[in-house]
Amino acid sequence: MIVWIRVVAPAADVSPLQWLASDEDEAREKAAGVASEAAESVEPEAARTEAEVGDTDPVQAIEDALGVEGLEILEIPLSPNRLWELVEAAKGKS
């Protein structure tokens, strides 16, 4: 069985002032380190791992990473089953 793991770390450690000034560099660097470390920790178990830095909004980071047109996550926390339902519903609309 081929396992593909995608780790998305949102650049969420941004103050409102940093966000307004579009100064997210430090938060993005920190998120990149977190994503890489997480991907490396599962690498022996997975056939393929990918790490990336996402949006400053964790929900937007998930939506962007999944890349499903029309996907809108309006509830958190979200179980894997519920996420699957939302993805399938979004796919059915497009």
Protein backbone atom coordinates (compact mmCIF):
# COMPACT_ATOMS: atom_id res chain seq x y z
CA MET A 1 0.00 0.00 0.00
CA ILE A 2 1.30 3.44 -0.93
CA VAL A 3 0.93 6.06 1.75
CA TRP A 4 1.11 9.75 0.97
CA ILE A 5 1.28 12.19 3.85
CA ARG A 6 0.97 15.92 3.39
CA VAL A 7 1.86 18.12 6.35
CA VAL A 8 0.55 21.68 6.32
CA ALA A 9 1.64 24.03 9.06
CA PRO A 10 -0.27 27.31 9.08
CA ALA A 11 1.81 30.44 9.57
CA ALA A 12 -0.51 31.25 12.46
CA ASP A 13 1.89 32.93 14.87
CA VAL A 14 1.14 36.39 13.48
CA SER A 15 0.01 39.36 15.53
CA PRO A 16 -2.77 41.59 14.17
CA LEU A 17 -0.21 44.35 13.54
CA GLN A 18 2.09 41.95 11.65
CA TRP A 19 -0.88 40.73 9.62
CA LEU A 20 -1.90 44.29 8.71
CA ALA A 21 1.68 45.08 7.70
CA SER A 22 1.96 41.81 5.74
CA ASP A 23 4.95 40.93 7.95
CA GLU A 24 4.55 37.15 8.12
CA ASP A 25 8.14 36.12 7.33
CA GLU A 26 9.08 35.01 10.85
CA ALA A 27 5.83 33.06 11.29
CA ARG A 28 6.32 31.39 7.89
CA GLU A 29 9.90 30.37 8.79
CA LYS A 30 8.70 28.88 12.07
CA ALA A 31 5.86 27.04 10.31
CA ALA A 32 8.27 25.68 7.68
CA GLY A 33 10.42 24.21 10.45
CA VAL A 34 7.39 22.64 12.12
CA ALA A 35 6.13 21.17 8.85
CA SER A 36 9.54 19.74 7.92
CA GLU A 37 10.05 18.22 11.36
CA ALA A 38 6.60 16.62 11.28
CA ALA A 39 7.18 15.24 7.77
CA GLU A 40 10.56 13.80 8.76
CA SER A 41 9.06 12.09 11.80
CA VAL A 42 6.68 10.04 9.63
CA GLU A 43 8.96 9.58 6.62
CA PRO A 44 10.00 5.98 7.39
CA GLU A 45 6.32 5.05 7.57
CA ALA A 46 5.26 6.79 4.38
CA ALA A 47 6.11 6.22 0.76
CA ARG A 48 5.90 9.96 0.18
CA THR A 49 5.80 12.97 2.48
CA GLU A 50 5.35 16.59 1.59
CA ALA A 51 5.64 19.59 3.89
CA GLU A 52 4.39 23.08 3.23
CA VAL A 53 3.55 26.34 4.92
CA GLY A 54 -0.08 27.35 4.74
CA ASP A 55 -2.12 30.49 5.15
CA THR A 56 -2.10 32.36 8.46
CA ASP A 57 -5.69 31.16 8.99
CA PRO A 58 -5.50 27.44 9.85
CA VAL A 59 -8.88 26.68 8.23
CA GLN A 60 -7.86 28.47 5.03
CA ALA A 61 -4.56 26.55 5.11
CA ILE A 62 -6.50 23.26 5.12
CA GLU A 63 -8.83 24.36 2.32
CA ASP A 64 -5.88 25.52 0.20
CA ALA A 65 -3.89 22.33 0.81
CA LEU A 66 -6.77 20.10 -0.25
CA GLY A 67 -7.26 22.11 -3.44
CA VAL A 68 -10.91 21.17 -3.87
CA GLU A 69 -12.89 23.84 -5.68
CA GLY A 70 -15.91 24.95 -3.67
CA LEU A 71 -14.69 23.46 -0.37
CA GLU A 72 -15.66 25.68 2.53
CA ILE A 73 -14.96 24.53 6.07
CA LEU A 74 -17.29 26.24 8.50
CA GLU A 75 -16.85 24.03 11.55
CA ILE A 76 -13.89 23.24 13.76
CA PRO A 77 -12.94 20.80 15.21
CA LEU A 78 -13.49 18.50 12.29
CA SER A 79 -13.35 14.71 12.28
CA PRO A 80 -11.73 12.94 9.31
CA ASN A 81 -15.14 11.53 8.36
CA ARG A 82 -16.75 14.96 8.37
CA LEU A 83 -13.89 16.40 6.31
CA TRP A 84 -14.37 13.57 3.79
CA GLU A 85 -18.09 14.40 3.59
CA LEU A 86 -17.35 18.09 2.97
CA VAL A 87 -14.80 17.27 0.26
CA GLU A 88 -17.17 14.87 -1.49
CA ALA A 89 -20.00 17.42 -1.32
CA ALA A 90 -17.75 20.13 -2.80
CA LYS A 91 -16.68 17.77 -5.60
CA GLY A 92 -20.34 17.02 -6.35
CA LYS A 93 -21.09 20.75 -6.76
CA SER A 94 -18.31 21.42 -9.27
